[in-house]
Every structure is written in C-alpha cells, then in structure tokens.
C-alpha cells in the first residue's frame, strides 16, 4: 500500500475500525481521529448538534495528515473529498457481532478510548440488529456514496482507492506490510 496522508477507515460496528486505525496511526505517524469521540458524542451519550458535528469534521479534514475511523454516511460529503484512500472493513456479520459483544464485555460500564468521558460502553438489541442488517441496509448506501464521489471527481483525476479488507487476517497482513510502528 503506498503511503497516504489522509485515510478513512469505514465498516460495520465491531469490525475493528478503531483498532486498525490506531495501529495504522502509529505505523504511519498520522493523527488518529475517532468520529465518535471527537465529533458525535458528548458526556452522557448526548449527541452534538449536526451543525457543530459538521464544523468539527470540516476543521479536522482540512489538516494535512490524519486517519479517521467511522462510517458516518451523513458526513461523507465532508470527508471523502479530503481522503487519499478509504479502508473499508467488510468482515462477515458474525465477526462483527463477536467484535461488538467482546468489546462490550471488555469495557462494560467503563469508557473505551474511542469514546468521550462520560460515555460508558453499552450494547443494545438495536445495535446488534444494526450489525446483523448492515450488509443489507448500510452497504448499498456506502456503495452509492462512493460511486457518487468517484463520478463527481472523474473529470479532475483518478478516483480515490478503496481497499476492502474482508477478514481480521487481511487486516493483520496490511499492518505486517507496513512493518513496526514509527
């Protein structure tokens, strides 16, 4: 993988977006940005107002070097134009369910690093249903957004590469290619 300065990591909850983004951040010397922690959530699981979220995202993506984890379709219009590459984690639903449940057990009642203070880990039936139906419900929207973005820039140069990783093994292989952290 050529070295990129601005990387989006997207995928289903529980796929390992935060884990690989943090590892790539270290390996490539990029600022790690968690959409949940840095844009969306305030203490007590209160969601920021949409205009504030968009303002924070626009400021962050204006920087020259970063890696950002989070699928957030509503902000693709801000993030895709600045990204050099998209890493799309397309793990099977069972792997994502396992990832979400094991994370919930590991951090239950405590904050994980990808969330702001005052947002203890939780897992709901709604979240599990979202993961179960992600390929059916969210993937067509992601594919459409990526196609629309590529079509919009086609006249101005090559499209943004999208690297799809479909297993934790492929994620490890990518990290192995980069060597030890910087």
N, C-alpha and C. Protein backbone atom coordinates (compact mmCIF):
# COMPACT_ATOMS: atom_id res chain seq x y z
N UNK A 1 0.86 -1.18 0.00
CA UNK A 1 0.00 0.00 0.00
C UNK A 1 0.89 1.23 0.00
N UNK A 2 0.74 2.11 -1.00
CA UNK A 2 1.51 3.36 -0.96
C UNK A 2 1.16 4.12 0.32
N UNK A 3 2.04 4.99 0.75
CA UNK A 3 1.77 5.76 1.95
C UNK A 3 0.84 6.92 1.62
N UNK A 4 -0.17 7.06 2.43
CA UNK A 4 -1.17 8.10 2.24
C UNK A 4 -1.17 9.01 3.46
N UNK A 5 -1.59 10.26 3.26
CA UNK A 5 -1.62 11.23 4.35
C UNK A 5 -2.99 11.35 5.01
N UNK A 6 -4.06 10.99 4.30
CA UNK A 6 -5.42 11.14 4.86
C UNK A 6 -6.20 9.86 4.54
N UNK A 7 -6.51 9.12 5.59
CA UNK A 7 -7.12 7.80 5.44
C UNK A 7 -8.44 7.73 6.20
N UNK A 8 -9.48 7.26 5.51
CA UNK A 8 -10.76 6.97 6.17
C UNK A 8 -10.83 5.46 6.39
N UNK A 9 -11.25 5.07 7.58
CA UNK A 9 -11.50 3.66 7.88
C UNK A 9 -12.98 3.53 8.19
N UNK A 10 -13.68 2.77 7.35
CA UNK A 10 -15.13 2.62 7.50
C UNK A 10 -15.47 1.15 7.62
N UNK A 11 -16.70 0.87 8.06
CA UNK A 11 -17.16 -0.50 8.16
C UNK A 11 -18.21 -0.65 9.24
N UNK A 12 -18.68 -1.85 9.38
CA UNK A 12 -19.71 -2.19 10.34
C UNK A 12 -19.20 -2.03 11.77
N UNK A 13 -20.06 -1.64 12.71
CA UNK A 13 -19.63 -1.66 14.11
C UNK A 13 -19.13 -3.06 14.48
N UNK A 14 -18.06 -3.09 15.26
CA UNK A 14 -17.49 -4.36 15.68
C UNK A 14 -16.50 -4.95 14.70
N UNK A 15 -16.29 -4.29 13.55
CA UNK A 15 -15.38 -4.83 12.53
C UNK A 15 -13.91 -4.59 12.87
N UNK A 16 -13.64 -3.65 13.76
CA UNK A 16 -12.26 -3.36 14.13
C UNK A 16 -11.74 -2.05 13.58
N UNK A 17 -12.65 -1.14 13.22
CA UNK A 17 -12.24 0.15 12.65
C UNK A 17 -11.28 0.91 13.55
N UNK A 18 -11.64 1.05 14.81
CA UNK A 18 -10.80 1.82 15.74
C UNK A 18 -9.46 1.13 15.96
N UNK A 19 -9.49 -0.18 16.08
CA UNK A 19 -8.26 -0.92 16.34
C UNK A 19 -7.27 -0.75 15.20
N UNK A 20 -7.72 -0.98 13.98
CA UNK A 20 -6.77 -0.86 12.85
C UNK A 20 -6.40 0.60 12.61
N UNK A 21 -7.32 1.52 12.81
CA UNK A 21 -7.00 2.94 12.61
C UNK A 21 -5.91 3.38 13.60
N UNK A 22 -6.01 2.96 14.84
CA UNK A 22 -4.98 3.34 15.82
C UNK A 22 -3.64 2.69 15.47
N UNK A 23 -3.66 1.45 15.02
CA UNK A 23 -2.41 0.78 14.65
C UNK A 23 -1.79 1.44 13.42
N UNK A 24 -2.61 1.77 12.44
CA UNK A 24 -2.10 2.47 11.25
C UNK A 24 -1.59 3.86 11.61
N UNK A 25 -2.28 4.52 12.54
CA UNK A 25 -1.86 5.83 13.01
C UNK A 25 -0.43 5.78 13.53
N UNK A 26 -0.16 4.77 14.35
CA UNK A 26 1.20 4.61 14.90
C UNK A 26 2.20 4.26 13.80
N UNK A 27 1.84 3.33 12.94
CA UNK A 27 2.77 2.87 11.90
C UNK A 27 3.10 3.97 10.90
N UNK A 28 2.14 4.84 10.61
CA UNK A 28 2.32 5.86 9.58
C UNK A 28 2.56 7.26 10.14
N UNK A 29 2.50 7.39 11.46
CA UNK A 29 2.70 8.71 12.07
C UNK A 29 1.59 9.69 11.76
N UNK A 30 0.35 9.18 11.68
CA UNK A 30 -0.81 10.03 11.38
C UNK A 30 -1.60 10.33 12.65
N UNK A 31 -2.20 11.50 12.72
CA UNK A 31 -3.09 11.83 13.84
C UNK A 31 -4.31 10.93 13.76
N UNK A 32 -4.64 10.25 14.88
CA UNK A 32 -5.82 9.39 14.95
C UNK A 32 -7.03 10.22 15.38
N UNK A 33 -8.11 10.11 14.59
CA UNK A 33 -9.35 10.82 14.88
C UNK A 33 -10.46 9.79 14.99
N UNK A 34 -11.14 9.77 16.14
CA UNK A 34 -12.31 8.92 16.34
C UNK A 34 -13.56 9.77 16.13
N UNK A 35 -14.37 9.40 15.16
CA UNK A 35 -15.58 10.19 14.91
C UNK A 35 -16.49 10.21 16.13
N UNK A 36 -16.61 9.06 16.80
CA UNK A 36 -17.47 9.01 17.99
C UNK A 36 -16.96 9.95 19.07
N UNK A 37 -15.69 9.88 19.37
CA UNK A 37 -15.11 10.68 20.46
C UNK A 37 -14.97 12.15 20.08
N UNK A 38 -14.46 12.41 18.88
CA UNK A 38 -14.09 13.77 18.52
C UNK A 38 -15.21 14.61 17.91
N UNK A 39 -16.27 13.96 17.42
CA UNK A 39 -17.33 14.71 16.75
C UNK A 39 -18.72 14.46 17.31
N UNK A 40 -19.11 13.21 17.46
CA UNK A 40 -20.51 12.88 17.68
C UNK A 40 -21.01 13.02 19.12
N UNK A 41 -20.27 12.45 20.07
CA UNK A 41 -20.83 12.28 21.41
C UNK A 41 -20.27 13.24 22.43
N UNK A 42 -21.16 13.67 23.31
CA UNK A 42 -20.81 14.46 24.49
C UNK A 42 -21.04 13.56 25.71
N UNK A 43 -20.48 13.90 26.86
CA UNK A 43 -20.71 13.07 28.05
C UNK A 43 -22.19 12.77 28.27
N UNK A 44 -22.44 11.54 28.76
CA UNK A 44 -23.82 11.12 29.00
C UNK A 44 -24.52 10.65 27.74
N UNK A 45 -23.75 10.31 26.72
CA UNK A 45 -24.30 9.84 25.45
C UNK A 45 -25.25 10.86 24.82
N UNK A 46 -24.92 12.15 24.99
CA UNK A 46 -25.70 13.20 24.32
C UNK A 46 -25.03 13.48 22.99
N UNK A 47 -25.83 13.52 21.93
CA UNK A 47 -25.29 13.76 20.58
C UNK A 47 -25.13 15.27 20.36
N UNK A 48 -24.00 15.64 19.78
CA UNK A 48 -23.78 17.05 19.42
C UNK A 48 -24.80 17.48 18.37
N UNK A 49 -25.07 18.77 18.30
CA UNK A 49 -25.91 19.27 17.20
C UNK A 49 -25.22 19.06 15.85
N UNK A 50 -26.00 18.75 14.82
CA UNK A 50 -25.47 18.43 13.49
C UNK A 50 -24.55 19.51 12.95
N UNK A 51 -24.89 20.77 13.11
CA UNK A 51 -24.05 21.84 12.57
C UNK A 51 -22.69 21.88 13.27
N UNK A 52 -22.66 21.57 14.55
CA UNK A 52 -21.39 21.53 15.28
C UNK A 52 -20.55 20.33 14.83
N UNK A 53 -21.21 19.19 14.62
CA UNK A 53 -20.51 18.00 14.12
C UNK A 53 -19.85 18.32 12.78
N UNK A 54 -20.61 18.91 11.87
CA UNK A 54 -20.07 19.23 10.54
C UNK A 54 -18.92 20.23 10.63
N UNK A 55 -19.04 21.21 11.51
CA UNK A 55 -17.97 22.20 11.67
C UNK A 55 -16.69 21.54 12.18
N UNK A 56 -16.82 20.65 13.17
CA UNK A 56 -15.65 19.94 13.72
C UNK A 56 -15.01 19.02 12.67
N UNK A 57 -15.84 18.33 11.90
CA UNK A 57 -15.30 17.45 10.86
C UNK A 57 -14.58 18.27 9.79
N UNK A 58 -15.20 19.36 9.34
CA UNK A 58 -14.57 20.20 8.31
C UNK A 58 -13.21 20.72 8.78
N UNK A 59 -13.12 21.10 10.03
CA UNK A 59 -11.85 21.59 10.58
C UNK A 59 -10.81 20.46 10.61
N UNK A 60 -11.22 19.27 11.04
CA UNK A 60 -10.29 18.14 11.14
C UNK A 60 -9.79 17.70 9.77
N UNK A 61 -10.67 17.59 8.79
CA UNK A 61 -10.24 17.09 7.47
C UNK A 61 -9.42 18.12 6.71
N UNK A 62 -9.46 19.38 7.14
CA UNK A 62 -8.63 20.40 6.50
C UNK A 62 -7.15 20.21 6.83
N UNK A 63 -6.87 19.44 7.90
CA UNK A 63 -5.48 19.17 8.27
C UNK A 63 -4.84 18.31 7.18
N UNK A 64 -3.52 18.33 7.14
CA UNK A 64 -2.79 17.64 6.07
C UNK A 64 -2.62 16.14 6.31
N UNK A 65 -2.56 15.69 7.57
CA UNK A 65 -2.27 14.28 7.83
C UNK A 65 -3.18 13.77 8.95
N UNK A 66 -3.95 12.70 8.63
CA UNK A 66 -4.83 12.11 9.64
C UNK A 66 -5.32 10.75 9.19
N UNK A 67 -5.81 10.01 10.17
CA UNK A 67 -6.57 8.78 9.90
C UNK A 67 -7.81 8.87 10.77
N UNK A 68 -8.95 8.60 10.17
CA UNK A 68 -10.24 8.78 10.84
C UNK A 68 -11.04 7.50 10.75
N UNK A 69 -11.54 7.05 11.91
CA UNK A 69 -12.40 5.87 11.88
C UNK A 69 -13.84 6.27 12.14
N UNK A 70 -14.72 5.68 11.36
CA UNK A 70 -16.15 5.93 11.49
C UNK A 70 -16.81 5.93 10.13
N UNK A 71 -17.97 5.30 10.06
CA UNK A 71 -18.65 5.16 8.77
C UNK A 71 -19.49 6.39 8.46
N UNK A 72 -20.25 6.92 9.38
CA UNK A 72 -20.99 8.16 9.27
C UNK A 72 -21.31 8.67 7.88
N UNK A 73 -22.29 8.06 7.23
CA UNK A 73 -22.66 8.46 5.87
C UNK A 73 -23.03 9.93 5.75
N UNK A 74 -23.60 10.49 6.80
CA UNK A 74 -24.06 11.88 6.72
C UNK A 74 -22.90 12.87 6.61
N UNK A 75 -21.68 12.41 6.82
CA UNK A 75 -20.53 13.33 6.67
C UNK A 75 -19.58 12.91 5.56
N UNK A 76 -19.98 11.95 4.74
CA UNK A 76 -19.13 11.54 3.62
C UNK A 76 -18.80 12.73 2.73
N UNK A 77 -19.76 13.64 2.53
CA UNK A 77 -19.55 14.78 1.65
C UNK A 77 -18.41 15.69 2.15
N UNK A 78 -18.12 15.63 3.45
CA UNK A 78 -17.03 16.42 4.01
C UNK A 78 -15.71 15.64 4.02
N UNK A 79 -15.80 14.35 4.23
CA UNK A 79 -14.60 13.54 4.44
C UNK A 79 -14.02 12.98 3.15
N UNK A 80 -14.85 12.47 2.25
CA UNK A 80 -14.33 11.83 1.03
C UNK A 80 -13.49 12.77 0.16
N UNK A 81 -13.89 14.02 -0.04
CA UNK A 81 -13.06 14.88 -0.90
C UNK A 81 -11.64 15.09 -0.37
N UNK A 82 -11.43 14.93 0.92
CA UNK A 82 -10.10 15.15 1.50
C UNK A 82 -9.31 13.85 1.69
N UNK A 83 -9.97 12.71 1.56
CA UNK A 83 -9.30 11.43 1.80
C UNK A 83 -8.44 11.02 0.61
N UNK A 84 -7.29 10.43 0.91
CA UNK A 84 -6.43 9.86 -0.12
C UNK A 84 -6.81 8.41 -0.41
N UNK A 85 -7.34 7.72 0.59
CA UNK A 85 -7.71 6.32 0.46
C UNK A 85 -8.78 6.00 1.50
N UNK A 86 -9.63 5.04 1.16
CA UNK A 86 -10.63 4.52 2.09
C UNK A 86 -10.29 3.06 2.36
N UNK A 87 -10.21 2.71 3.63
CA UNK A 87 -10.08 1.31 4.01
C UNK A 87 -11.44 0.89 4.53
N UNK A 88 -12.05 -0.05 3.82
CA UNK A 88 -13.40 -0.49 4.13
C UNK A 88 -13.33 -1.90 4.70
N UNK A 89 -13.65 -2.03 5.97
CA UNK A 89 -13.65 -3.32 6.63
C UNK A 89 -14.98 -4.01 6.33
N UNK A 90 -14.93 -5.10 5.57
CA UNK A 90 -16.13 -5.82 5.13
C UNK A 90 -16.17 -7.22 5.74
N UNK A 91 -15.98 -7.31 7.02
CA UNK A 91 -15.96 -8.60 7.70
C UNK A 91 -17.36 -9.20 7.74
N UNK A 92 -17.45 -10.53 7.85
CA UNK A 92 -18.76 -11.18 7.95
C UNK A 92 -19.50 -10.70 9.21
N UNK A 93 -20.82 -10.75 9.16
CA UNK A 93 -21.62 -10.26 10.28
C UNK A 93 -21.27 -10.95 11.59
N UNK A 94 -20.96 -12.25 11.54
CA UNK A 94 -20.63 -12.95 12.78
C UNK A 94 -19.35 -12.40 13.41
N UNK A 95 -18.39 -12.06 12.57
CA UNK A 95 -17.14 -11.48 13.09
C UNK A 95 -17.41 -10.11 13.72
N UNK A 96 -18.31 -9.33 13.11
CA UNK A 96 -18.65 -8.01 13.65
C UNK A 96 -19.44 -8.15 14.95
N UNK A 97 -20.37 -9.09 14.98
CA UNK A 97 -21.12 -9.34 16.22
C UNK A 97 -20.18 -9.77 17.33
N UNK A 98 -19.26 -10.67 17.01
CA UNK A 98 -18.28 -11.10 18.00
C UNK A 98 -17.46 -9.91 18.49
N UNK A 99 -17.01 -9.07 17.56
CA UNK A 99 -16.22 -7.90 17.92
C UNK A 99 -16.97 -6.95 18.83
N UNK A 100 -18.24 -6.70 18.52
CA UNK A 100 -19.05 -5.77 19.33
C UNK A 100 -19.34 -6.34 20.71
N UNK A 101 -19.69 -7.63 20.77
CA UNK A 101 -20.01 -8.24 22.06
C UNK A 101 -18.76 -8.35 22.92
N UNK A 102 -17.64 -8.78 22.34
CA UNK A 102 -16.42 -8.91 23.14
C UNK A 102 -15.95 -7.54 23.63
N UNK A 103 -16.09 -6.51 22.80
CA UNK A 103 -15.74 -5.15 23.23
C UNK A 103 -16.64 -4.70 24.37
N UNK A 104 -17.94 -4.98 24.25
CA UNK A 104 -18.88 -4.59 25.31
C UNK A 104 -18.54 -5.29 26.62
N UNK A 105 -18.16 -6.54 26.56
CA UNK A 105 -17.78 -7.26 27.78
C UNK A 105 -16.47 -6.73 28.35
N UNK A 106 -15.52 -6.43 27.48
CA UNK A 106 -14.21 -5.93 27.93
C UNK A 106 -14.33 -4.56 28.61
N UNK A 107 -15.19 -3.70 28.08
CA UNK A 107 -15.29 -2.33 28.60
C UNK A 107 -16.60 -2.06 29.35
N UNK A 108 -17.40 -3.07 29.60
CA UNK A 108 -18.73 -2.85 30.17
C UNK A 108 -18.70 -1.90 31.36
N UNK A 109 -19.49 -0.84 31.27
CA UNK A 109 -19.60 0.14 32.34
C UNK A 109 -18.44 1.10 32.43
N UNK A 110 -17.46 0.96 31.56
CA UNK A 110 -16.30 1.85 31.55
C UNK A 110 -16.18 2.50 30.17
N UNK A 111 -15.43 3.56 30.12
CA UNK A 111 -15.17 4.21 28.84
C UNK A 111 -14.08 3.48 28.09
N UNK A 112 -14.30 3.30 26.79
CA UNK A 112 -13.19 2.85 25.95
C UNK A 112 -12.55 4.09 25.33
N UNK A 113 -11.31 3.97 24.89
CA UNK A 113 -10.57 5.15 24.43
C UNK A 113 -11.21 5.88 23.24
N UNK A 114 -12.03 5.20 22.46
CA UNK A 114 -12.62 5.83 21.27
C UNK A 114 -13.88 6.62 21.58
N UNK A 115 -14.22 6.73 22.86
CA UNK A 115 -15.41 7.48 23.26
C UNK A 115 -15.02 8.58 24.23
N UNK A 116 -15.81 9.66 24.27
CA UNK A 116 -15.50 10.72 25.23
C UNK A 116 -15.81 10.28 26.66
N UNK A 117 -15.23 10.99 27.61
CA UNK A 117 -15.51 10.71 29.02
C UNK A 117 -17.01 10.81 29.26
N UNK A 118 -17.52 9.97 30.14
CA UNK A 118 -18.94 10.00 30.46
C UNK A 118 -19.81 9.21 29.50
N UNK A 119 -19.20 8.40 28.66
CA UNK A 119 -19.94 7.54 27.73
C UNK A 119 -19.49 6.09 27.95
N UNK A 120 -19.95 5.47 29.03
CA UNK A 120 -19.53 4.10 29.29
C UNK A 120 -20.05 3.15 28.21
N UNK A 121 -19.27 2.10 27.98
CA UNK A 121 -19.61 1.11 26.95
C UNK A 121 -20.99 0.53 27.21
N UNK A 122 -21.72 0.33 26.15
CA UNK A 122 -23.05 -0.27 26.23
C UNK A 122 -23.31 -1.02 24.93
N UNK A 123 -24.26 -1.93 24.99
CA UNK A 123 -24.65 -2.68 23.80
C UNK A 123 -26.14 -2.96 23.90
N UNK A 124 -26.86 -2.61 22.87
CA UNK A 124 -28.32 -2.78 22.88
C UNK A 124 -28.74 -3.77 21.80
N UNK A 125 -29.98 -4.22 21.92
CA UNK A 125 -30.53 -5.08 20.86
C UNK A 125 -30.58 -4.33 19.54
N UNK A 126 -30.86 -3.03 19.60
CA UNK A 126 -30.88 -2.22 18.39
C UNK A 126 -29.53 -2.19 17.70
N UNK A 127 -28.45 -2.09 18.49
CA UNK A 127 -27.11 -2.09 17.91
C UNK A 127 -26.79 -3.44 17.29
N UNK A 128 -27.19 -4.52 17.96
CA UNK A 128 -26.96 -5.85 17.41
C UNK A 128 -27.74 -6.05 16.12
N UNK A 129 -28.98 -5.54 16.08
CA UNK A 129 -29.79 -5.64 14.86
C UNK A 129 -29.15 -4.82 13.73
N UNK A 130 -28.60 -3.66 14.06
CA UNK A 130 -27.93 -2.84 13.06
C UNK A 130 -26.76 -3.60 12.45
N UNK A 131 -25.97 -4.25 13.30
CA UNK A 131 -24.83 -5.04 12.82
C UNK A 131 -25.33 -6.20 11.95
N UNK A 132 -26.36 -6.89 12.42
CA UNK A 132 -26.91 -8.04 11.68
C UNK A 132 -27.35 -7.62 10.27
N UNK A 133 -27.95 -6.45 10.16
CA UNK A 133 -28.52 -5.99 8.89
C UNK A 133 -27.62 -5.02 8.13
N UNK A 134 -26.39 -4.83 8.58
CA UNK A 134 -25.50 -3.83 7.99
C UNK A 134 -25.30 -4.04 6.49
N UNK A 135 -24.99 -5.25 6.10
CA UNK A 135 -24.76 -5.52 4.66
C UNK A 135 -26.00 -5.19 3.84
N UNK A 136 -27.16 -5.52 4.34
CA UNK A 136 -28.41 -5.27 3.61
C UNK A 136 -28.78 -3.79 3.59
N UNK A 137 -28.65 -3.13 4.74
CA UNK A 137 -29.16 -1.76 4.87
C UNK A 137 -28.13 -0.67 4.61
N UNK A 138 -26.93 -0.82 5.15
CA UNK A 138 -25.94 0.27 5.06
C UNK A 138 -25.02 0.15 3.85
N UNK A 139 -24.65 -1.07 3.47
CA UNK A 139 -23.69 -1.24 2.39
C UNK A 139 -24.17 -0.61 1.07
N UNK A 140 -25.43 -0.79 0.67
CA UNK A 140 -25.84 -0.12 -0.58
C UNK A 140 -25.70 1.40 -0.51
N UNK A 141 -25.92 1.99 0.65
CA UNK A 141 -25.76 3.44 0.81
C UNK A 141 -24.29 3.85 0.73
N UNK A 142 -23.41 3.04 1.33
CA UNK A 142 -21.97 3.31 1.26
C UNK A 142 -21.50 3.20 -0.19
N UNK A 143 -21.91 2.13 -0.86
CA UNK A 143 -21.50 1.94 -2.26
C UNK A 143 -21.99 3.09 -3.13
N UNK A 144 -23.21 3.54 -2.92
CA UNK A 144 -23.76 4.66 -3.70
C UNK A 144 -22.97 5.94 -3.43
N UNK A 145 -22.65 6.18 -2.16
CA UNK A 145 -21.88 7.39 -1.82
C UNK A 145 -20.49 7.35 -2.44
N UNK A 146 -19.85 6.20 -2.42
CA UNK A 146 -18.53 6.08 -3.03
C UNK A 146 -18.61 6.27 -4.54
N UNK A 147 -19.61 5.65 -5.18
CA UNK A 147 -19.79 5.82 -6.64
C UNK A 147 -20.05 7.28 -6.99
N UNK A 148 -20.91 7.93 -6.22
CA UNK A 148 -21.24 9.33 -6.48
C UNK A 148 -20.00 10.21 -6.33
N UNK A 149 -19.20 9.95 -5.32
CA UNK A 149 -17.98 10.73 -5.12
C UNK A 149 -17.01 10.52 -6.28
N UNK A 150 -16.81 9.27 -6.68
CA UNK A 150 -15.89 8.97 -7.78
C UNK A 150 -16.40 9.61 -9.07
N UNK A 151 -17.69 9.54 -9.31
CA UNK A 151 -18.25 10.15 -10.52
C UNK A 151 -18.05 11.66 -10.51
N UNK A 152 -18.16 12.26 -9.35
CA UNK A 152 -18.00 13.71 -9.23
C UNK A 152 -16.60 14.19 -9.47
N UNK A 153 -15.59 13.35 -9.22
CA UNK A 153 -14.21 13.78 -9.41
C UNK A 153 -13.58 13.19 -10.67
N UNK A 154 -14.33 12.37 -11.39
CA UNK A 154 -13.76 11.68 -12.56
C UNK A 154 -13.12 12.66 -13.54
N UNK A 155 -13.70 13.81 -13.71
CA UNK A 155 -13.16 14.78 -14.66
C UNK A 155 -11.89 15.46 -14.14
N UNK A 156 -11.61 15.32 -12.85
CA UNK A 156 -10.48 16.03 -12.25
C UNK A 156 -9.30 15.13 -11.92
N UNK A 157 -9.37 13.87 -12.26
CA UNK A 157 -8.25 12.99 -11.98
C UNK A 157 -8.72 11.62 -11.52
N UNK A 158 -7.79 10.80 -11.07
CA UNK A 158 -8.14 9.43 -10.68
C UNK A 158 -9.02 9.41 -9.44
N UNK A 159 -9.81 8.36 -9.35
CA UNK A 159 -10.69 8.20 -8.19
C UNK A 159 -9.92 7.81 -6.96
N UNK A 160 -10.57 7.90 -5.85
CA UNK A 160 -9.97 7.54 -4.57
C UNK A 160 -9.94 6.02 -4.45
N UNK A 161 -8.79 5.45 -4.11
CA UNK A 161 -8.74 3.99 -3.95
C UNK A 161 -9.53 3.55 -2.72
N UNK A 162 -10.22 2.42 -2.86
CA UNK A 162 -10.96 1.83 -1.75
C UNK A 162 -10.40 0.42 -1.56
N UNK A 163 -9.77 0.22 -0.42
CA UNK A 163 -9.19 -1.08 -0.07
C UNK A 163 -10.18 -1.80 0.83
N UNK A 164 -10.74 -2.90 0.34
CA UNK A 164 -11.68 -3.69 1.14
C UNK A 164 -10.94 -4.83 1.80
N UNK A 165 -11.05 -4.88 3.12
CA UNK A 165 -10.47 -5.97 3.89
C UNK A 165 -11.62 -6.81 4.43
N UNK A 166 -11.58 -8.12 4.17
CA UNK A 166 -12.73 -8.96 4.49
C UNK A 166 -12.48 -9.95 5.62
N UNK A 167 -11.36 -9.80 6.30
CA UNK A 167 -11.08 -10.68 7.44
C UNK A 167 -10.07 -9.99 8.36
N UNK A 168 -10.02 -10.47 9.59
CA UNK A 168 -9.02 -9.95 10.53
C UNK A 168 -7.62 -10.34 10.04
N UNK A 169 -7.52 -11.46 9.37
CA UNK A 169 -6.23 -11.88 8.81
C UNK A 169 -5.73 -10.86 7.78
N UNK A 170 -6.61 -10.39 6.89
CA UNK A 170 -6.21 -9.37 5.92
C UNK A 170 -5.80 -8.07 6.62
N UNK A 171 -6.47 -7.75 7.72
CA UNK A 171 -6.11 -6.56 8.48
C UNK A 171 -4.68 -6.71 9.04
N UNK A 172 -4.38 -7.88 9.60
CA UNK A 172 -3.03 -8.15 10.13
C UNK A 172 -2.00 -8.10 9.01
N UNK A 173 -2.35 -8.66 7.84
CA UNK A 173 -1.40 -8.64 6.71
C UNK A 173 -1.09 -7.22 6.27
N UNK A 174 -2.07 -6.35 6.25
CA UNK A 174 -1.84 -4.95 5.90
C UNK A 174 -0.86 -4.33 6.89
N UNK A 175 -1.10 -4.55 8.17
CA UNK A 175 -0.21 -4.00 9.19
C UNK A 175 1.20 -4.58 9.07
N UNK A 176 1.28 -5.87 8.74
CA UNK A 176 2.59 -6.51 8.57
C UNK A 176 3.37 -5.88 7.41
N UNK A 177 2.65 -5.50 6.35
CA UNK A 177 3.30 -4.87 5.20
C UNK A 177 3.98 -3.55 5.58
N UNK A 178 3.39 -2.87 6.55
CA UNK A 178 3.91 -1.57 6.96
C UNK A 178 5.08 -1.67 7.92
N UNK A 179 5.24 -2.83 8.52
CA UNK A 179 6.35 -3.02 9.45
C UNK A 179 6.02 -2.48 10.83
N UNK A 180 7.01 -2.43 11.71
CA UNK A 180 6.77 -1.97 13.09
C UNK A 180 6.40 -0.49 13.13
N UNK A 181 5.68 -0.07 14.20
CA UNK A 181 5.27 1.33 14.32
C UNK A 181 6.45 2.29 14.28
N UNK A 182 6.18 3.49 13.75
CA UNK A 182 7.23 4.53 13.64
C UNK A 182 7.63 5.04 15.00
